[in-house]
Amino acid sequence: MGAVVANDLKTKGIKAIEDALLGQLEASVSVRGQVKYVVMSQEQYQYLRECELEAALAESRTDLAGGRFVKESVAQHIKRLKQINKATQ
């Protein structure tokens, strides 16, 4: 993974990030010697978001196949959510 130090961002701006991403999918940004952030291209970010959505869809399909779901009206759903919120407060 490429790396950028915060000082380079101050002096070189976005060019520091572009340089760090050359041939890399991600680059870490360190502040005072500690990695604080990770930057990536929009394309890589979009790919990761799609992976998250695919994982959520697979989990939902597994729950449906396993019978782990509730079938109710909107009013019933809102009432149930209010009860859950009261129980957690």
PDB file of N, CA and C in Angstrom:
ATOM      1  N   MET A   1       0.848  -1.170   0.000  1.00  0.00           N
ATOM      2  CA  MET A   1       0.000   0.000   0.000  1.00  0.00           C
ATOM      3  C   MET A   1       0.891   1.230   0.000  1.00  0.00           C
ATOM      4  N   GLY A   2       0.553   2.197  -0.848  1.00  0.00           N
ATOM      5  CA  GLY A   2       1.274   3.456  -0.878  1.00  0.00           C
ATOM      6  C   GLY A   2       1.056   4.226   0.419  1.00  0.00           C
ATOM      7  N   ALA A   3       1.879   5.222   0.646  1.00  0.00           N
ATOM      8  CA  ALA A   3       1.759   6.000   1.877  1.00  0.00           C
ATOM      9  C   ALA A   3       1.951   7.480   1.589  1.00  0.00           C
ATOM     10  N   VAL A   4       1.233   8.285   2.359  1.00  0.00           N
ATOM     11  CA  VAL A   4       1.336   9.734   2.288  1.00  0.00           C
ATOM     12  C   VAL A   4       1.460  10.237   3.717  1.00  0.00           C
ATOM     13  N   VAL A   5       2.359  11.173   3.937  1.00  0.00           N
ATOM     14  CA  VAL A   5       2.426  11.803   5.261  1.00  0.00           C
ATOM     15  C   VAL A   5       1.666  13.124   5.178  1.00  0.00           C
ATOM     16  N   ALA A   6       1.073  13.521   6.284  1.00  0.00           N
ATOM     17  CA  ALA A   6       0.229  14.711   6.311  1.00  0.00           C
ATOM     18  C   ALA A   6       0.972  15.934   5.783  1.00  0.00           C
ATOM     19  N   ASN A   7       2.257  16.052   6.076  1.00  0.00           N
ATOM     20  CA  ASN A   7       3.040  17.190   5.596  1.00  0.00           C
ATOM     21  C   ASN A   7       3.054  17.260   4.074  1.00  0.00           C
ATOM     22  N   ASP A   8       3.130  16.093   3.415  1.00  0.00           N
ATOM     23  CA  ASP A   8       3.101  16.070   1.950  1.00  0.00           C
ATOM     24  C   ASP A   8       1.770  16.597   1.423  1.00  0.00           C
ATOM     25  N   LEU A   9       0.700  16.317   2.146  1.00  0.00           N
ATOM     26  CA  LEU A   9      -0.600  16.839   1.727  1.00  0.00           C
ATOM     27  C   LEU A   9      -0.610  18.366   1.805  1.00  0.00           C
ATOM     28  N   LYS A  10       0.038  18.897   2.831  1.00  0.00           N
ATOM     29  CA  LYS A  10       0.097  20.352   2.977  1.00  0.00           C
ATOM     30  C   LYS A  10       0.909  20.993   1.855  1.00  0.00           C
ATOM     31  N   THR A  11       2.008  20.375   1.491  1.00  0.00           N
ATOM     32  CA  THR A  11       2.898  20.986   0.508  1.00  0.00           C
ATOM     33  C   THR A  11       2.567  20.621  -0.934  1.00  0.00           C
ATOM     34  N   LYS A  12       2.162  19.363  -1.158  1.00  0.00           N
ATOM     35  CA  LYS A  12       1.924  18.901  -2.533  1.00  0.00           C
ATOM     36  C   LYS A  12       0.451  18.796  -2.897  1.00  0.00           C
ATOM     37  N   GLY A  13      -0.412  18.820  -1.904  1.00  0.00           N
ATOM     38  CA  GLY A  13      -1.846  18.713  -2.167  1.00  0.00           C
ATOM     39  C   GLY A  13      -2.230  17.361  -2.734  1.00  0.00           C
ATOM     40  N   ILE A  14      -3.194  17.389  -3.633  1.00  0.00           N
ATOM     41  CA  ILE A  14      -3.746  16.162  -4.206  1.00  0.00           C
ATOM     42  C   ILE A  14      -2.702  15.367  -4.975  1.00  0.00           C
ATOM     43  N   LYS A  15      -1.674  16.037  -5.454  1.00  0.00           N
ATOM     44  CA  LYS A  15      -0.595  15.354  -6.185  1.00  0.00           C
ATOM     45  C   LYS A  15       0.053  14.290  -5.300  1.00  0.00           C
ATOM     46  N   ALA A  16       0.160  14.532  -3.999  1.00  0.00           N
ATOM     47  CA  ALA A  16       0.741  13.547  -3.083  1.00  0.00           C
ATOM     48  C   ALA A  16      -0.101  12.273  -3.063  1.00  0.00           C
ATOM     49  N   ILE A  17      -1.399  12.444  -3.097  1.00  0.00           N
ATOM     50  CA  ILE A  17      -2.299  11.279  -3.109  1.00  0.00           C
ATOM     51  C   ILE A  17      -2.205  10.569  -4.449  1.00  0.00           C
ATOM     52  N   GLU A  18      -2.217  11.325  -5.525  1.00  0.00           N
ATOM     53  CA  GLU A  18      -2.111  10.722  -6.856  1.00  0.00           C
ATOM     54  C   GLU A  18      -0.830   9.907  -6.979  1.00  0.00           C
ATOM     55  N   ASP A  19       0.287  10.456  -6.487  1.00  0.00           N
ATOM     56  CA  ASP A  19       1.561   9.745  -6.543  1.00  0.00           C
ATOM     57  C   ASP A  19       1.517   8.460  -5.715  1.00  0.00           C
ATOM     58  N   ALA A  20       0.930   8.538  -4.541  1.00  0.00           N
ATOM     59  CA  ALA A  20       0.866   7.365  -3.657  1.00  0.00           C
ATOM     60  C   ALA A  20      -0.010   6.268  -4.245  1.00  0.00           C
ATOM     61  N   LEU A  21      -0.998   6.658  -5.042  1.00  0.00           N
ATOM     62  CA  LEU A  21      -1.918   5.673  -5.625  1.00  0.00           C
ATOM     63  C   LEU A  21      -1.415   5.068  -6.931  1.00  0.00           C
ATOM     64  N   LEU A  22      -0.301   5.566  -7.463  1.00  0.00           N
ATOM     65  CA  LEU A  22       0.226   5.010  -8.708  1.00  0.00           C
ATOM     66  C   LEU A  22       0.503   3.521  -8.530  1.00  0.00           C
ATOM     67  N   GLY A  23      -0.201   2.704  -9.280  1.00  0.00           N
ATOM     68  CA  GLY A  23      -0.003   1.257  -9.216  1.00  0.00           C
ATOM     69  C   GLY A  23      -0.531   0.617  -7.940  1.00  0.00           C
ATOM     70  N   GLN A  24      -1.275   1.364  -7.136  1.00  0.00           N
ATOM     71  CA  GLN A  24      -1.814   0.868  -5.865  1.00  0.00           C
ATOM     72  C   GLN A  24      -3.331   1.062  -5.856  1.00  0.00           C
ATOM     73  N   LEU A  25      -4.020   0.237  -5.110  1.00  0.00           N
ATOM     74  CA  LEU A  25      -5.464   0.413  -4.959  1.00  0.00           C
ATOM     75  C   LEU A  25      -5.789   1.378  -3.827  1.00  0.00           C
ATOM     76  N   GLU A  26      -4.922   1.410  -2.818  1.00  0.00           N
ATOM     77  CA  GLU A  26      -5.156   2.229  -1.637  1.00  0.00           C
ATOM     78  C   GLU A  26      -3.847   2.845  -1.182  1.00  0.00           C
ATOM     79  N   ALA A  27      -3.954   3.954  -0.449  1.00  0.00           N
ATOM     80  CA  ALA A  27      -2.772   4.581   0.137  1.00  0.00           C
ATOM     81  C   ALA A  27      -3.128   5.031   1.544  1.00  0.00           C
ATOM     82  N   SER A  28      -2.220   4.822   2.475  1.00  0.00           N
ATOM     83  CA  SER A  28      -2.455   5.256   3.839  1.00  0.00           C
ATOM     84  C   SER A  28      -1.966   6.691   4.005  1.00  0.00           C
ATOM     85  N   VAL A  29      -2.628   7.422   4.888  1.00  0.00           N
ATOM     86  CA  VAL A  29      -2.222   8.786   5.222  1.00  0.00           C
ATOM     87  C   VAL A  29      -1.849   8.774   6.696  1.00  0.00           C
ATOM     88  N   SER A  30      -0.605   9.130   6.966  1.00  0.00           N
ATOM     89  CA  SER A  30      -0.165   9.115   8.363  1.00  0.00           C
ATOM     90  C   SER A  30      -0.042  10.533   8.895  1.00  0.00           C
ATOM     91  N   VAL A  31      -0.419  10.661  10.152  1.00  0.00           N
ATOM     92  CA  VAL A  31      -0.335  11.932  10.873  1.00  0.00           C
ATOM     93  C   VAL A  31       0.488  11.670  12.116  1.00  0.00           C
ATOM     94  N   ARG A  32       1.586  12.383  12.239  1.00  0.00           N
ATOM     95  CA  ARG A  32       2.517  12.208  13.372  1.00  0.00           C
ATOM     96  C   ARG A  32       2.938  10.753  13.540  1.00  0.00           C
ATOM     97  N   GLY A  33       3.201  10.102  12.425  1.00  0.00           N
ATOM     98  CA  GLY A  33       3.703   8.737  12.446  1.00  0.00           C
ATOM     99  C   GLY A  33       2.650   7.657  12.600  1.00  0.00           C
ATOM    100  N   GLN A  34       1.402   8.030  12.741  1.00  0.00           N
ATOM    101  CA  GLN A  34       0.308   7.067  12.907  1.00  0.00           C
ATOM    102  C   GLN A  34      -0.582   7.090  11.670  1.00  0.00           C
ATOM    103  N   VAL A  35      -0.912   5.917  11.151  1.00  0.00           N
ATOM    104  CA  VAL A  35      -1.847   5.853  10.021  1.00  0.00           C
ATOM    105  C   VAL A  35      -3.227   6.231  10.537  1.00  0.00           C
ATOM    106  N   LYS A  36      -3.785   7.293   9.953  1.00  0.00           N
ATOM    107  CA  LYS A  36      -5.092   7.799  10.387  1.00  0.00           C
ATOM    108  C   LYS A  36      -6.173   7.595   9.334  1.00  0.00           C
ATOM    109  N   TYR A  37      -5.779   7.588   8.068  1.00  0.00           N
ATOM    110  CA  TYR A  37      -6.751   7.526   6.985  1.00  0.00           C
ATOM    111  C   TYR A  37      -6.246   6.605   5.874  1.00  0.00           C
ATOM    112  N   VAL A  38      -7.173   6.169   5.057  1.00  0.00           N
ATOM    113  CA  VAL A  38      -6.834   5.425   3.844  1.00  0.00           C
ATOM    114  C   VAL A  38      -7.588   6.086   2.702  1.00  0.00           C
ATOM    115  N   VAL A  39      -6.879   6.365   1.626  1.00  0.00           N
ATOM    116  CA  VAL A  39      -7.508   6.972   0.454  1.00  0.00           C
ATOM    117  C   VAL A  39      -7.458   5.979  -0.695  1.00  0.00           C
ATOM    118  N   MET A  40      -8.421   6.137  -1.604  1.00  0.00           N
ATOM    119  CA  MET A  40      -8.490   5.252  -2.759  1.00  0.00           C
ATOM    120  C   MET A  40      -9.177   5.997  -3.891  1.00  0.00           C
ATOM    121  N   SER A  41      -9.086   5.438  -5.065  1.00  0.00           N
ATOM    122  CA  SER A  41      -9.766   6.039  -6.214  1.00  0.00           C
ATOM    123  C   SER A  41     -11.274   5.841  -6.072  1.00  0.00           C
ATOM    124  N   GLN A  42     -12.016   6.653  -6.797  1.00  0.00           N
ATOM    125  CA  GLN A  42     -13.471   6.520  -6.816  1.00  0.00           C
ATOM    126  C   GLN A  42     -13.874   5.140  -7.329  1.00  0.00           C
ATOM    127  N   GLU A  43     -13.140   4.632  -8.303  1.00  0.00           N
ATOM    128  CA  GLU A  43     -13.452   3.314  -8.855  1.00  0.00           C
ATOM    129  C   GLU A  43     -13.290   2.218  -7.801  1.00  0.00           C
ATOM    130  N   GLN A  44     -12.214   2.292  -7.028  1.00  0.00           N
ATOM    131  CA  GLN A  44     -11.985   1.304  -5.969  1.00  0.00           C
ATOM    132  C   GLN A  44     -13.053   1.414  -4.889  1.00  0.00           C
ATOM    133  N   TYR A  45     -13.405   2.652  -4.522  1.00  0.00           N
ATOM    134  CA  TYR A  45     -14.452   2.868  -3.522  1.00  0.00           C
ATOM    135  C   TYR A  45     -15.770   2.275  -4.004  1.00  0.00           C
ATOM    136  N   GLN A  46     -16.119   2.531  -5.258  1.00  0.00           N
ATOM    137  CA  GLN A  46     -17.359   2.003  -5.819  1.00  0.00           C
ATOM    138  C   GLN A  46     -17.353   0.480  -5.824  1.00  0.00           C
ATOM    139  N   TYR A  47     -16.213  -0.111  -6.154  1.00  0.00           N
ATOM    140  CA  TYR A  47     -16.087  -1.571  -6.137  1.00  0.00           C
ATOM    141  C   TYR A  47     -16.337  -2.114  -4.731  1.00  0.00           C
ATOM    142  N   LEU A  48     -15.739  -1.481  -3.715  1.00  0.00           N
ATOM    143  CA  LEU A  48     -15.930  -1.934  -2.336  1.00  0.00           C
ATOM    144  C   LEU A  48     -17.384  -1.781  -1.893  1.00  0.00           C
ATOM    145  N   ARG A  49     -18.032  -0.686  -2.288  1.00  0.00           N
ATOM    146  CA  ARG A  49     -19.447  -0.491  -1.962  1.00  0.00           C
ATOM    147  C   ARG A  49     -20.285  -1.602  -2.596  1.00  0.00           C
ATOM    148  N   GLU A  50     -19.986  -1.946  -3.833  1.00  0.00           N
ATOM    149  CA  GLU A  50     -20.726  -3.026  -4.497  1.00  0.00           C
ATOM    150  C   GLU A  50     -20.511  -4.351  -3.778  1.00  0.00           C
ATOM    151  N   CYS A  51     -19.297  -4.595  -3.305  1.00  0.00           N
ATOM    152  CA  CYS A  51     -19.020  -5.812  -2.537  1.00  0.00           C
ATOM    153  C   CYS A  51     -19.838  -5.842  -1.256  1.00  0.00           C
ATOM    154  N   GLU A  52     -19.930  -4.700  -0.571  1.00  0.00           N
ATOM    155  CA  GLU A  52     -20.738  -4.618   0.650  1.00  0.00           C
ATOM    156  C   GLU A  52     -22.205  -4.906   0.350  1.00  0.00           C
ATOM    157  N   LEU A  53     -22.703  -4.351  -0.736  1.00  0.00           N
ATOM    158  CA  LEU A  53     -24.101  -4.574  -1.098  1.00  0.00           C
ATOM    159  C   LEU A  53     -24.354  -6.027  -1.471  1.00  0.00           C
ATOM    160  N   GLU A  54     -23.408  -6.630  -2.189  1.00  0.00           N
ATOM    161  CA  GLU A  54     -23.549  -8.048  -2.544  1.00  0.00           C
ATOM    162  C   GLU A  54     -23.548  -8.924  -1.288  1.00  0.00           C
ATOM    163  N   ALA A  55     -22.702  -8.598  -0.324  1.00  0.00           N
ATOM    164  CA  ALA A  55     -22.651  -9.351   0.935  1.00  0.00           C
ATOM    165  C   ALA A  55     -23.963  -9.203   1.701  1.00  0.00           C
ATOM    166  N   ALA A  56     -24.516  -7.987   1.734  1.00  0.00           N
ATOM    167  CA  ALA A  56     -25.793  -7.759   2.419  1.00  0.00           C
ATOM    168  C   ALA A  56     -26.921  -8.521   1.734  1.00  0.00           C
ATOM    169  N   LEU A  57     -26.901  -8.537   0.418  1.00  0.00           N
ATOM    170  CA  LEU A  57     -27.913  -9.270  -0.331  1.00  0.00           C
ATOM    171  C   LEU A  57     -27.809 -10.774  -0.063  1.00  0.00           C
ATOM    172  N   ALA A  58     -26.596 -11.290  -0.032  1.00  0.00           N
ATOM    173  CA  ALA A  58     -26.397 -12.717   0.262  1.00  0.00           C
ATOM    174  C   ALA A  58     -26.881 -13.049   1.674  1.00  0.00           C
ATOM    175  N   GLU A  59     -26.601 -12.157   2.619  1.00  0.00           N
ATOM    176  CA  GLU A  59     -27.056 -12.375   4.002  1.00  0.00           C
ATOM    177  C   GLU A  59     -28.583 -12.361   4.074  1.00  0.00           C
ATOM    178  N   SER A  60     -29.203 -11.445   3.342  1.00  0.00           N
ATOM    179  CA  SER A  60     -30.665 -11.379   3.326  1.00  0.00           C
ATOM    180  C   SER A  60     -31.271 -12.640   2.717  1.00  0.00           C
ATOM    181  N   ARG A  61     -30.668 -13.112   1.642  1.00  0.00           N
ATOM    182  CA  ARG A  61     -31.163 -14.346   1.013  1.00  0.00           C
ATOM    183  C   ARG A  61     -31.037 -15.530   1.960  1.00  0.00           C
ATOM    184  N   THR A  62     -29.942 -15.585   2.694  1.00  0.00           N
ATOM    185  CA  THR A  62     -29.743 -16.662   3.668  1.00  0.00           C
ATOM    186  C   THR A  62     -30.783 -16.578   4.779  1.00  0.00           C
ATOM    187  N   ASP A  63     -31.057 -15.359   5.254  1.00  0.00           N
ATOM    188  CA  ASP A  63     -32.084 -15.176   6.286  1.00  0.00           C
ATOM    189  C   ASP A  63     -33.453 -15.589   5.779  1.00  0.00           C
ATOM    190  N   LEU A  64     -33.779 -15.200   4.555  1.00  0.00           N
ATOM    191  CA  LEU A  64     -35.068 -15.595   3.989  1.00  0.00           C
ATOM    192  C   LEU A  64     -35.173 -17.110   3.874  1.00  0.00           C
ATOM    193  N   ALA A  65     -34.133 -17.745   3.368  1.00  0.00           N
ATOM    194  CA  ALA A  65     -34.136 -19.203   3.217  1.00  0.00           C
ATOM    195  C   ALA A  65     -34.233 -19.896   4.569  1.00  0.00           C
ATOM    196  N   GLY A  66     -33.659 -19.282   5.598  1.00  0.00           N
ATOM    197  CA  GLY A  66     -33.686 -19.874   6.940  1.00  0.00           C
ATOM    198  C   GLY A  66     -34.900 -19.488   7.758  1.00  0.00           C
ATOM    199  N   GLY A  67     -35.812 -18.718   7.164  1.00  0.00           N
ATOM    200  CA  GLY A  67     -37.028 -18.331   7.877  1.00  0.00           C
ATOM    201  C   GLY A  67     -36.814 -17.245   8.919  1.00  0.00           C
ATOM    202  N   ARG A  68     -35.706 -16.549   8.845  1.00  0.00           N
ATOM    203  CA  ARG A  68     -35.408 -15.492   9.822  1.00  0.00           C
ATOM    204  C   ARG A  68     -35.874 -14.139   9.278  1.00  0.00           C
ATOM    205  N   PHE A  69     -37.195 -13.938   9.309  1.00  0.00           N
ATOM    206  CA  PHE A  69     -37.767 -12.675   8.867  1.00  0.00           C
ATOM    207  C   PHE A  69     -39.124 -12.497   9.528  1.00  0.00           C
ATOM    208  N   VAL A  70     -39.619 -11.272   9.466  1.00  0.00           N
ATOM    209  CA  VAL A  70     -40.921 -10.942  10.037  1.00  0.00           C
ATOM    210  C   VAL A  70     -41.788 -10.379   8.923  1.00  0.00           C
ATOM    211  N   LYS A  71     -43.003 -10.875   8.830  1.00  0.00           N
ATOM    212  CA  LYS A  71     -43.949 -10.364   7.837  1.00  0.00           C
ATOM    213  C   LYS A  71     -45.015  -9.597   8.612  1.00  0.00           C
ATOM    214  N   GLU A  72     -45.092  -8.265   8.360  1.00  0.00           N
ATOM    215  CA  GLU A  72     -46.023  -7.428   9.099  1.00  0.00           C
ATOM    216  C   GLU A  72     -46.368  -6.181   8.290  1.00  0.00           C
ATOM    217  N   SER A  73     -47.395  -5.487   8.741  1.00  0.00           N
ATOM    218  CA  SER A  73     -47.788  -4.242   8.077  1.00  0.00           C
ATOM    219  C   SER A  73     -46.826  -3.129   8.494  1.00  0.00           C
ATOM    220  N   VAL A  74     -46.935  -1.998   7.812  1.00  0.00           N
ATOM    221  CA  VAL A  74     -46.100  -0.850   8.153  1.00  0.00           C
ATOM    222  C   VAL A  74     -46.388  -0.408   9.588  1.00  0.00           C
ATOM    223  N   ALA A  75     -47.653  -0.334   9.939  1.00  0.00           N
ATOM    224  CA  ALA A  75     -48.036   0.088  11.295  1.00  0.00           C
ATOM    225  C   ALA A  75     -47.474  -0.869  12.346  1.00  0.00           C
ATOM    226  N   GLN A  76     -47.566  -2.162  12.087  1.00  0.00           N
ATOM    227  CA  GLN A  76     -47.018  -3.146  13.023  1.00  0.00           C
ATOM    228  C   GLN A  76     -45.503  -2.990  13.135  1.00  0.00           C
ATOM    229  N   HIS A  77     -44.859  -2.738  12.014  1.00  0.00           N
ATOM    230  CA  HIS A  77     -43.402  -2.584  11.994  1.00  0.00           C
ATOM    231  C   HIS A  77     -42.975  -1.371  12.834  1.00  0.00           C
ATOM    232  N   ILE A  78     -43.660  -0.254  12.639  1.00  0.00           N
ATOM    233  CA  ILE A  78     -43.326   0.955  13.400  1.00  0.00           C
ATOM    234  C   ILE A  78     -43.555   0.721  14.892  1.00  0.00           C
ATOM    235  N   LYS A  79     -44.636   0.066  15.231  1.00  0.00           N
ATOM    236  CA  LYS A  79     -44.927  -0.233  16.637  1.00  0.00           C
ATOM    237  C   LYS A  79     -43.828  -1.111  17.234  1.00  0.00           C
ATOM    238  N   ARG A  80     -43.400  -2.113  16.480  1.00  0.00           N
ATOM    239  CA  ARG A  80     -42.340  -3.007  16.964  1.00  0.00           C
ATOM    240  C   ARG A  80     -41.020  -2.256  17.142  1.00  0.00           C
ATOM    241  N   LEU A  81     -40.710  -1.356  16.213  1.00  0.00           N
ATOM    242  CA  LEU A  81     -39.481  -0.573  16.335  1.00  0.00           C
ATOM    243  C   LEU A  81     -39.525   0.337  17.558  1.00  0.00           C
ATOM    244  N   LYS A  82     -40.680   0.935  17.823  1.00  0.00           N
ATOM    245  CA  LYS A  82     -40.828   1.787  19.008  1.00  0.00           C
ATOM    246  C   LYS A  82     -40.620   0.971  20.284  1.00  0.00           C
ATOM    247  N   GLN A  83     -41.138  -0.246  20.317  1.00  0.00           N
ATOM    248  CA  GLN A  83     -40.964  -1.111  21.482  1.00  0.00           C
ATOM    249  C   GLN A  83     -39.498  -1.482  21.673  1.00  0.00           C
ATOM    250  N   ILE A  84     -38.819  -1.750  20.565  1.00  0.00           N
ATOM    251  CA  ILE A  84     -37.383  -2.083  20.630  1.00  0.00           C
ATOM    252  C   ILE A  84     -36.608  -0.879  21.152  1.00  0.00           C
ATOM    253  N   ASN A  85     -36.937   0.312  20.664  1.00  0.00           N
ATOM    254  CA  ASN A  85     -36.244   1.526  21.111  1.00  0.00           C
ATOM    255  C   ASN A  85     -36.469   1.783  22.596  1.00  0.00           C
ATOM    256  N   LYS A  86     -37.696   1.570  23.089  1.00  0.00           N
ATOM    257  CA  LYS A  86     -37.987   1.761  24.512  1.00  0.00           C
ATOM    258  C   LYS A  86     -37.185   0.772  25.349  1.00  0.00           C
ATOM    259  N   ALA A  87     -37.073  -0.456  24.859  1.00  0.00           N
ATOM    260  CA  ALA A  87     -36.369  -1.501  25.607  1.00  0.00           C
ATOM    261  C   ALA A  87     -34.866  -1.231  25.692  1.00  0.00           C
ATOM    262  N   THR A  88     -34.318  -0.528  24.703  1.00  0.00           N
ATOM    263  CA  THR A  88     -32.866  -0.266  24.711  1.00  0.00           C
ATOM    264  C   THR A  88     -32.497   1.013  25.426  1.00  0.00           C
ATOM    265  N   GLN A  89     -33.467   1.807  25.811  1.00  0.00           N
ATOM    266  CA  GLN A  89     -33.155   3.079  26.494  1.00  0.00           C
ATOM    267  C   GLN A  89     -33.079   2.919  27.976  1.00  0.00           C
TER     268      GLN A  89
END
